[in-house]
Amino acid sequence: MKTNPFTKMLAVVTALILFTVGCNPAPQKADEKPAAQSDAPEYFLLRPELEKAYGYSHAVRIGNELKISGAVSMDEKGNLTAKGDLGQQMKNCYADLDKILKHYGYTWDDVVVENILTTNMPEFVNQSAYRNTIYKKQFPTGSWFGVKELALPGQLIEIELEAYKVH
């Protein structure tokens, strides 16, 4: 049985129309939010002038992932605070990290990686129980590094985070 060329073309066009309609989602209404966040990086500067001078961004979010540079116990001008006091430096670091998490709508429960660098590991271990006031649900993965020195003279600790949020 011979098929008419017009019938073949009509079948192909019909299949293409059905495929195209089936693959395209319904248009988004103006008051609806997109289903997923953009994959475009969104940068955040906690201390813009200082971070621009040193050449880094304090945080960047791509989709549901948030990466935060090491937090340091410093004032707005970049001066070390709580010199010689690892416990207070640690609290200051966590306070800055909390500001960044909140900026993006994250909580400490969203933190999946925490890396800590310290020039005094025995003192950090003595002070590490403070982390129980930060992580109330579970602890993230991560590493603790004993290092010779950090960026600022007298700096005893630096804490960096990665967080992930299901939206």
Protein backbone atom coordinates (compact mmCIF):
# COMPACT_ATOMS: atom_id res chain seq x y z
CA MET A 1 0.00 0.00 0.00
CA LYS A 2 1.47 3.33 -1.06
CA THR A 3 1.39 6.29 1.30
CA ASN A 4 0.57 9.67 -0.07
CA PRO A 5 3.52 12.16 0.44
CA PHE A 6 1.07 14.68 1.85
CA THR A 7 -0.09 12.14 4.47
CA LYS A 8 3.53 11.46 5.48
CA MET A 9 4.22 15.18 5.85
CA LEU A 10 1.03 15.69 7.85
CA ALA A 11 2.05 12.86 10.22
CA VAL A 12 5.52 14.38 10.73
CA VAL A 13 4.13 17.87 11.37
CA THR A 14 1.53 16.50 13.81
CA ALA A 15 4.22 14.55 15.68
CA LEU A 16 6.42 17.67 15.90
CA ILE A 17 3.55 19.76 17.22
CA LEU A 18 2.65 17.16 19.86
CA PHE A 19 6.32 16.80 20.88
CA THR A 20 6.83 20.57 21.14
CA VAL A 21 3.64 21.15 23.14
CA GLY A 22 4.44 18.20 25.44
CA CYS A 23 8.01 19.42 26.15
CA ASN A 24 7.26 23.04 26.91
CA PRO A 25 6.04 23.79 30.42
CA ALA A 26 3.12 26.07 30.96
CA PRO A 27 4.12 29.74 31.02
CA GLN A 28 5.00 31.11 34.44
CA LYS A 29 2.48 33.50 35.95
CA ALA A 30 3.75 36.94 36.96
CA ASP A 31 3.19 36.28 40.68
CA GLU A 32 4.90 32.85 40.68
CA LYS A 33 8.50 32.34 41.70
CA PRO A 34 10.75 30.22 39.51
CA ALA A 35 11.01 26.56 40.54
CA ALA A 36 14.79 26.67 40.99
CA GLN A 37 17.32 29.37 41.71
CA SER A 38 19.48 30.70 38.95
CA ASP A 39 22.81 29.02 38.33
CA ALA A 40 24.37 32.45 37.86
CA PRO A 41 26.84 33.22 40.68
CA GLU A 42 25.59 35.75 43.24
CA TYR A 43 28.45 37.43 45.13
CA PHE A 44 28.32 39.03 48.56
CA LEU A 45 30.82 41.40 50.17
CA LEU A 46 30.59 41.72 53.95
CA ARG A 47 33.13 44.57 54.06
CA PRO A 48 33.12 45.81 50.45
CA GLU A 49 36.02 48.26 50.52
CA LEU A 50 38.27 45.90 52.43
CA GLU A 51 37.41 42.86 50.32
CA LYS A 52 37.95 44.79 47.10
CA ALA A 53 41.34 45.97 48.37
CA TYR A 54 42.40 42.39 49.19
CA GLY A 55 40.77 40.95 46.05
CA TYR A 56 38.16 38.46 47.25
CA SER A 57 34.43 38.02 47.78
CA HIS A 58 33.29 36.89 51.19
CA ALA A 59 30.61 34.61 49.75
CA VAL A 60 29.18 33.32 46.51
CA ARG A 61 25.95 31.41 45.94
CA ILE A 62 25.36 29.33 42.86
CA GLY A 63 21.94 27.73 42.82
CA ASN A 64 21.43 26.12 46.22
CA GLU A 65 25.14 26.05 47.11
CA LEU A 66 26.76 28.75 49.23
CA LYS A 67 30.52 29.03 49.72
CA ILE A 68 31.86 31.43 52.34
CA SER A 69 35.48 32.56 52.56
CA GLY A 70 37.28 32.27 55.87
CA ALA A 71 35.84 34.60 58.49
CA VAL A 72 38.34 36.52 60.59
CA SER A 73 37.92 38.43 63.85
CA MET A 74 38.24 41.99 62.49
CA ASP A 75 36.58 45.36 62.55
CA GLU A 76 35.20 47.25 59.52
CA LYS A 77 38.64 48.70 58.75
CA GLY A 78 40.33 45.30 58.71
CA ASN A 79 42.00 45.57 62.11
CA LEU A 80 42.26 42.38 64.15
CA THR A 81 39.94 42.28 67.17
CA ALA A 82 40.34 40.22 70.37
CA LYS A 83 44.09 39.89 69.89
CA GLY A 84 45.42 36.94 71.90
CA ASP A 85 41.94 35.64 72.78
CA LEU A 86 41.12 32.61 70.61
CA GLY A 87 37.70 32.07 72.22
CA GLN A 88 36.55 35.62 71.47
CA GLN A 89 38.07 35.54 67.98
CA MET A 90 36.09 32.35 67.31
CA LYS A 91 32.84 33.99 68.51
CA ASN A 92 33.53 37.01 66.27
CA CYS A 93 34.10 34.72 63.28
CA TYR A 94 30.82 32.90 63.88
CA ALA A 95 29.00 36.25 64.23
CA ASP A 96 30.21 37.32 60.76
CA LEU A 97 29.36 33.93 59.28
CA ASP A 98 25.87 34.21 60.76
CA LYS A 99 25.36 37.57 59.00
CA ILE A 100 26.28 36.01 55.66
CA LEU A 101 24.08 32.95 56.15
CA LYS A 102 21.13 35.19 57.05
CA HIS A 103 21.78 37.44 54.03
CA TYR A 104 21.05 34.46 51.79
CA GLY A 105 18.24 33.05 53.97
CA TYR A 106 20.31 30.12 55.26
CA THR A 107 20.63 28.82 58.83
CA TRP A 108 23.31 26.86 60.65
CA ASP A 109 21.29 23.72 59.87
CA ASP A 110 22.12 24.31 56.17
CA VAL A 111 25.90 24.23 56.76
CA VAL A 112 27.44 21.06 55.29
CA VAL A 113 31.18 21.87 55.49
CA GLU A 114 33.13 23.81 58.10
CA ASN A 115 36.91 24.14 57.85
CA ILE A 116 38.80 25.72 60.73
CA LEU A 117 42.37 27.00 60.55
CA THR A 118 44.13 27.88 63.78
CA THR A 119 47.62 28.76 64.93
CA ASN A 120 46.91 27.18 68.34
CA MET A 121 45.25 23.77 68.00
CA PRO A 122 45.37 22.84 71.72
CA GLU A 123 43.59 26.09 72.67
CA PHE A 124 41.07 25.63 69.86
CA VAL A 125 40.27 22.12 71.13
CA ASN A 126 39.74 23.64 74.61
CA GLN A 127 37.36 26.25 73.12
CA SER A 128 35.65 23.98 70.56
CA ALA A 129 32.67 23.23 72.83
CA TYR A 130 31.36 26.69 71.84
CA ARG A 131 30.43 25.09 68.52
CA ASN A 132 27.63 23.24 70.37
CA THR A 133 25.84 26.59 70.69
CA ILE A 134 26.09 27.08 66.91
CA TYR A 135 25.23 23.61 65.59
CA LYS A 136 22.12 22.44 67.42
CA LYS A 137 20.79 19.87 64.94
CA GLN A 138 23.93 18.23 63.54
CA PHE A 139 27.57 19.02 62.90
CA PRO A 140 28.82 19.59 59.34
CA THR A 141 31.71 17.73 57.78
CA GLY A 142 35.03 19.53 57.67
CA SER A 143 38.61 19.67 58.83
CA TRP A 144 40.61 21.39 61.52
CA PHE A 145 44.03 22.62 60.41
CA GLY A 146 46.90 23.70 62.62
CA VAL A 147 48.85 26.34 60.69
CA LYS A 148 51.98 28.39 61.31
CA GLU A 149 50.33 31.76 60.63
CA LEU A 150 47.22 33.40 59.23
CA ALA A 151 46.64 36.63 57.30
CA LEU A 152 46.72 39.15 60.17
CA PRO A 153 49.43 39.36 62.83
CA GLY A 154 47.93 37.94 66.04
CA GLN A 155 45.11 36.16 64.21
CA LEU A 156 44.51 32.80 65.90
CA ILE A 157 41.57 31.37 63.94
CA GLU A 158 39.77 31.50 60.59
CA ILE A 159 36.56 29.64 59.73
CA GLU A 160 35.19 28.92 56.26
CA LEU A 161 31.83 27.34 55.41
CA GLU A 162 29.85 25.69 52.68
CA ALA A 163 26.09 25.47 52.92
CA TYR A 164 23.37 23.83 50.88
CA LYS A 165 19.68 24.64 50.98
CA VAL A 166 16.81 22.75 49.44
CA HIS A 167 14.39 25.37 48.10
